[in-house]
Amino acid sequence: MKEIKLITRADDAGLNRTVNKAIRSSVKQGIARNISLLAPAPAIVHAAECFADLDKDVDFGLQVCLTAEWENVRWGPVAGAAQVPSIVRDDGTFHYTLRDLEQANPAIDEIMAEVKAQYDTLIALGFDLAYLVVTREFDGIPGLRKELTAFCKTNGLLTAGGSGGEVPDEPLPGWSGPGEHPGTELADHLATAQSGTYLVVGRPAFKTDEIEYLKRPGQPKREALLSRNRERRMFADIEIVDYCENGGIEPVRYSRFKK
């Protein structure tokens, strides 16, 4: 019988209350086993309250946040804009995209000061952090990956994501995300996969006014509503839960790979 370990990671915790509740549901009723936290986001304190009893069920990680992608929900650095001026817009909020940040020629020491402030914020909120997400997109900022890797080593965090990470980072082969029947589709896809360890990342949400309100520059509202609800169902639909329980699929935490 084949054996598949599935690293299931729910990102964007702290974005808003709806997202926090959807991530909690993805853990308690579903197969999510890792939660990535956005320290500067508006609902991070609510996330600490919402996830207070989940420490035995999941690993928490720092999702390094250097952007604020939404046009109508803005935030800036935890360290304060005056302390890290090279990484913010004129209004003191983060740039919309990492490409925008790259073009602003950010100072690495200011980026790392903000990373430390985000880490300290999450620790102060009571999170026991196991990992830090280092996305491939960060490679566009020279030297950043090296600094983040050193930060992880200093603070006992696993580096998750991108080349050189300490944990498996292979996406589920051929999986491009959920459609109209998320749980069934993921289960069917896993049925054809070979034995191995794979990563599945989602940004869970429920369909609420709070999610409908989110809007990226140049795009209409509601664009997040359908996709993020599907990503919640990808983790929580009964079809995927049953398939994992009966099909030899083990949802795992990042700390499983700590040496």
Protein backbone atom coordinates (compact mmCIF):
# COMPACT_ATOMS: atom_id res chain seq x y z
CA MET A 1 0.00 0.00 0.00
CA LYS A 2 1.37 3.41 -0.90
CA GLU A 3 2.19 5.92 1.83
CA ILE A 4 1.69 9.64 1.39
CA LYS A 5 2.56 12.31 3.92
CA LEU A 6 0.73 15.55 3.17
CA ILE A 7 2.04 18.79 4.64
CA THR A 8 -1.17 20.79 4.84
CA ARG A 9 -0.60 24.51 5.43
CA ALA A 10 -3.22 27.22 5.93
CA ASP A 11 -1.84 30.69 5.16
CA ASP A 12 -2.93 34.28 5.88
CA ALA A 13 -4.04 33.79 9.48
CA GLY A 14 -4.75 37.19 10.99
CA LEU A 15 -6.08 38.74 7.79
CA ASN A 16 -9.56 39.06 9.29
CA ARG A 17 -11.93 37.25 11.63
CA THR A 18 -13.56 35.25 8.85
CA VAL A 19 -10.20 33.87 7.77
CA ASN A 20 -9.28 32.98 11.35
CA LYS A 21 -12.54 31.11 11.87
CA ALA A 22 -12.17 29.30 8.54
CA ILE A 23 -8.63 28.21 9.40
CA ARG A 24 -9.81 26.94 12.77
CA SER A 25 -12.53 24.94 11.00
CA SER A 26 -9.93 23.60 8.54
CA VAL A 27 -8.04 22.18 11.52
CA LYS A 28 -10.84 20.99 13.79
CA GLN A 29 -13.08 19.56 11.07
CA GLY A 30 -10.43 19.07 8.42
CA ILE A 31 -6.85 18.12 7.60
CA ALA A 32 -4.92 21.42 8.00
CA ARG A 33 -1.94 20.83 10.31
CA ASN A 34 0.09 24.03 9.94
CA ILE A 35 -1.01 27.66 10.33
CA SER A 36 1.00 30.57 8.94
CA LEU A 37 0.53 33.89 10.74
CA LEU A 38 0.52 37.45 9.37
CA ALA A 39 1.77 39.51 12.31
CA PRO A 40 0.99 42.97 10.82
CA ALA A 41 -2.52 42.05 9.67
CA PRO A 42 -5.61 43.57 11.32
CA ALA A 43 -6.96 40.46 13.07
CA ILE A 44 -3.78 38.92 14.46
CA VAL A 45 -4.89 39.43 18.08
CA HIS A 46 -8.16 37.69 17.25
CA ALA A 47 -6.10 34.86 15.71
CA ALA A 48 -4.30 34.35 19.01
CA GLU A 49 -7.67 34.05 20.76
CA CYS A 50 -9.19 31.87 18.03
CA PHE A 51 -6.27 29.40 17.97
CA ALA A 52 -5.48 29.35 21.70
CA ASP A 53 -6.41 25.68 22.08
CA LEU A 54 -4.89 24.39 18.83
CA ASP A 55 -1.25 24.04 19.90
CA LYS A 56 -1.59 20.25 20.24
CA ASP A 57 -3.16 19.98 16.78
CA VAL A 58 -0.97 22.21 14.60
CA ASP A 59 2.36 23.94 14.13
CA PHE A 60 2.37 27.71 13.90
CA GLY A 61 4.69 29.60 11.60
CA LEU A 62 5.75 33.15 10.81
CA GLN A 63 4.52 34.08 7.35
CA VAL A 64 6.95 36.93 6.72
CA CYS A 65 4.75 39.80 5.56
CA LEU A 66 6.38 42.60 3.57
CA THR A 67 3.36 43.54 1.43
CA ALA A 68 -0.29 44.53 1.77
CA GLU A 69 -2.00 43.35 -1.39
CA TRP A 70 -5.51 44.72 -0.79
CA GLU A 71 -6.60 48.14 -2.00
CA ASN A 72 -9.22 48.63 0.69
CA VAL A 73 -7.59 46.84 3.65
CA ARG A 74 -4.16 48.35 4.28
CA TRP A 75 -1.48 47.76 6.91
CA GLY A 76 2.13 48.64 7.55
CA PRO A 77 5.14 47.34 9.45
CA VAL A 78 4.95 46.17 13.03
CA ALA A 79 8.24 47.99 13.67
CA GLY A 80 6.67 51.30 12.62
CA ALA A 81 7.12 53.07 9.30
CA ALA A 82 9.60 55.57 10.73
CA GLN A 83 11.94 52.73 11.74
CA VAL A 84 11.89 50.98 8.35
CA PRO A 85 11.26 53.73 5.77
CA SER A 86 12.77 51.91 2.80
CA ILE A 87 10.15 49.14 2.88
CA VAL A 88 6.99 51.26 2.96
CA ARG A 89 5.02 53.55 0.64
CA ASP A 90 4.70 57.28 1.25
CA ASP A 91 1.55 56.64 3.31
CA GLY A 92 3.43 54.32 5.69
CA THR A 93 1.76 51.12 4.45
CA PHE A 94 3.47 48.20 2.75
CA HIS A 95 3.77 48.03 -1.03
CA TYR A 96 1.09 46.04 -2.85
CA THR A 97 3.48 43.45 -4.31
CA LEU A 98 7.00 42.16 -3.78
CA ARG A 99 7.84 43.48 -7.24
CA ASP A 100 6.90 46.97 -6.05
CA LEU A 101 9.08 46.47 -2.97
CA GLU A 102 12.03 45.29 -5.06
CA GLN A 103 11.83 48.42 -7.22
CA ALA A 104 11.99 50.58 -4.07
CA ASN A 105 15.47 49.17 -3.29
CA PRO A 106 14.70 48.17 0.30
CA ALA A 107 17.47 48.03 2.89
CA ILE A 108 18.10 44.48 4.08
CA ASP A 109 18.76 45.60 7.64
CA GLU A 110 15.34 47.30 7.72
CA ILE A 111 13.64 44.20 6.32
CA MET A 112 15.26 42.07 9.01
CA ALA A 113 14.31 44.58 11.71
CA GLU A 114 10.71 44.16 10.58
CA VAL A 115 11.02 40.36 10.50
CA LYS A 116 12.28 40.41 14.09
CA ALA A 117 9.43 42.73 15.11
CA GLN A 118 6.91 40.34 13.53
CA TYR A 119 8.51 37.39 15.29
CA ASP A 120 8.49 39.21 18.65
CA THR A 121 4.85 40.19 18.17
CA LEU A 122 3.75 36.60 17.62
CA ILE A 123 5.79 35.34 20.57
CA ALA A 124 4.25 38.03 22.78
CA LEU A 125 0.79 36.86 21.68
CA GLY A 126 1.61 33.39 22.96
CA PHE A 127 2.39 31.54 19.73
CA ASP A 128 5.02 28.80 19.89
CA LEU A 129 6.52 29.18 16.44
CA ALA A 130 7.91 26.14 14.63
CA TYR A 131 8.71 27.47 11.17
CA LEU A 132 9.17 30.52 8.95
CA VAL A 133 7.86 30.66 5.40
CA VAL A 134 10.56 31.71 2.92
CA THR A 135 8.81 32.07 -0.42
CA ARG A 136 10.61 31.84 -3.73
CA GLU A 137 9.45 35.37 -4.51
CA PHE A 138 11.86 36.65 -1.85
CA ASP A 139 14.75 35.62 -4.10
CA GLY A 140 14.22 38.85 -6.05
CA ILE A 141 15.68 40.79 -3.09
CA PRO A 142 19.44 40.09 -3.03
CA GLY A 143 20.67 38.61 0.22
CA LEU A 144 17.25 38.23 1.82
CA ARG A 145 17.08 34.45 1.74
CA LYS A 146 20.50 34.20 3.40
CA GLU A 147 19.44 36.58 6.18
CA LEU A 148 16.15 34.77 6.75
CA THR A 149 17.90 31.41 6.90
CA ALA A 150 20.31 32.77 9.51
CA PHE A 151 17.38 34.22 11.47
CA CYS A 152 15.70 30.81 11.49
CA LYS A 153 18.85 29.12 12.76
CA THR A 154 19.26 31.68 15.54
CA ASN A 155 15.65 31.29 16.67
CA GLY A 156 15.25 27.53 16.21
CA LEU A 157 12.78 27.79 13.35
CA LEU A 158 12.47 25.45 10.42
CA THR A 159 12.77 27.17 7.05
CA ALA A 160 9.77 26.27 4.94
CA GLY A 161 9.45 27.07 1.26
CA GLY A 162 11.75 27.60 -1.66
CA SER A 163 15.02 25.92 -2.48
CA GLY A 164 17.19 25.11 0.49
CA GLY A 165 14.33 24.72 2.95
CA GLU A 166 14.75 22.22 5.75
CA VAL A 167 11.45 20.49 5.11
CA PRO A 168 10.02 18.87 1.98
CA ASP A 169 8.63 21.46 -0.41
CA GLU A 170 7.45 19.37 -3.35
CA PRO A 171 3.93 20.34 -4.38
CA LEU A 172 1.43 17.60 -5.07
CA PRO A 173 2.26 16.68 -8.69
CA GLY A 174 -0.27 18.02 -11.18
CA TRP A 175 -2.44 19.68 -8.53
CA SER A 176 -3.48 23.18 -9.63
CA GLY A 177 -5.99 23.93 -6.89
CA PRO A 178 -9.62 23.14 -6.12
CA GLY A 179 -12.60 23.58 -8.41
CA GLU A 180 -16.31 23.18 -7.78
CA HIS A 181 -15.93 20.04 -5.63
CA PRO A 182 -12.75 20.69 -3.61
CA GLY A 183 -12.67 17.75 -1.22
CA THR A 184 -13.56 15.18 -3.86
CA GLU A 185 -11.10 16.65 -6.35
CA LEU A 186 -8.18 16.58 -3.92
CA ALA A 187 -9.05 13.03 -2.85
CA ASP A 188 -9.25 11.88 -6.48
CA HIS A 189 -5.90 13.51 -7.20
CA LEU A 190 -4.25 11.86 -4.21
CA ALA A 191 -5.57 8.52 -5.41
CA THR A 192 -3.30 8.78 -8.46
CA ALA A 193 -0.22 10.10 -6.63
CA GLN A 194 2.83 8.01 -5.87
CA SER A 195 4.14 7.43 -2.34
CA GLY A 196 5.99 10.46 -1.02
CA THR A 197 5.78 13.69 0.95
CA TYR A 198 3.94 16.58 -0.66
CA LEU A 199 2.92 20.13 0.24
CA VAL A 200 -0.60 21.52 -0.18
CA VAL A 201 -1.14 25.18 0.71
CA GLY A 202 -4.49 26.92 1.02
CA ARG A 203 -5.88 30.27 2.18
CA PRO A 204 -9.14 29.24 3.80
CA ALA A 205 -12.15 31.52 4.17
CA PHE A 206 -15.91 31.37 4.46
CA LYS A 207 -18.23 33.28 2.15
CA THR A 208 -18.93 36.41 4.19
CA ASP A 209 -19.24 40.15 3.58
CA GLU A 210 -15.80 40.53 5.12
CA ILE A 211 -14.23 38.40 2.37
CA GLU A 212 -16.42 39.86 -0.36
CA TYR A 213 -15.16 43.32 0.60
CA LEU A 214 -11.51 42.49 -0.17
CA LYS A 215 -10.32 44.08 -3.39
CA ARG A 216 -6.94 44.14 -5.13
CA PRO A 217 -5.98 47.19 -7.21
CA GLY A 218 -7.57 47.04 -10.65
CA GLN A 219 -9.68 44.00 -9.81
CA PRO A 220 -13.34 43.72 -8.79
CA LYS A 221 -14.60 42.80 -5.38
CA ARG A 222 -15.63 39.18 -4.76
CA GLU A 223 -12.54 37.76 -6.50
CA ALA A 224 -11.34 36.24 -3.20
CA LEU A 225 -14.77 34.97 -2.20
CA LEU A 226 -14.98 31.87 -4.38
CA SER A 227 -11.34 30.81 -4.43
CA ARG A 228 -10.75 31.08 -0.70
CA ASN A 229 -13.95 29.27 0.20
CA ARG A 230 -12.88 26.46 -2.12
CA GLU A 231 -9.48 26.34 -0.42
CA ARG A 232 -11.22 25.95 2.94
CA ARG A 233 -13.34 23.11 1.58
CA MET A 234 -10.21 21.51 0.10
CA PHE A 235 -9.11 20.97 3.71
CA ALA A 236 -12.46 20.43 5.40
CA ASP A 237 -14.90 18.64 3.07
CA ILE A 238 -15.90 15.23 4.39
CA GLU A 239 -14.68 13.56 1.18
CA ILE A 240 -11.04 14.55 1.76
CA VAL A 241 -11.22 13.88 5.50
CA ASP A 242 -12.60 10.37 4.91
CA TYR A 243 -10.10 9.65 2.15
CA CYS A 244 -7.14 10.62 4.33
CA GLU A 245 -8.42 8.49 7.20
CA ASN A 246 -9.03 5.43 5.01
CA GLY A 247 -6.58 5.83 2.14
CA GLY A 248 -3.19 5.88 3.83
CA ILE A 249 -2.82 9.66 3.62
CA GLU A 250 -1.21 11.25 6.69
CA PRO A 251 -1.61 15.02 7.12
CA VAL A 252 1.55 16.15 8.95
CA ARG A 253 3.03 19.12 10.80
CA TYR A 254 6.30 20.76 9.85
CA SER A 255 7.83 19.77 13.19
CA ARG A 256 7.66 16.17 12.02
CA PHE A 257 10.82 16.95 10.04
CA LYS A 258 12.79 18.67 12.81
CA LYS A 259 16.14 16.95 13.30
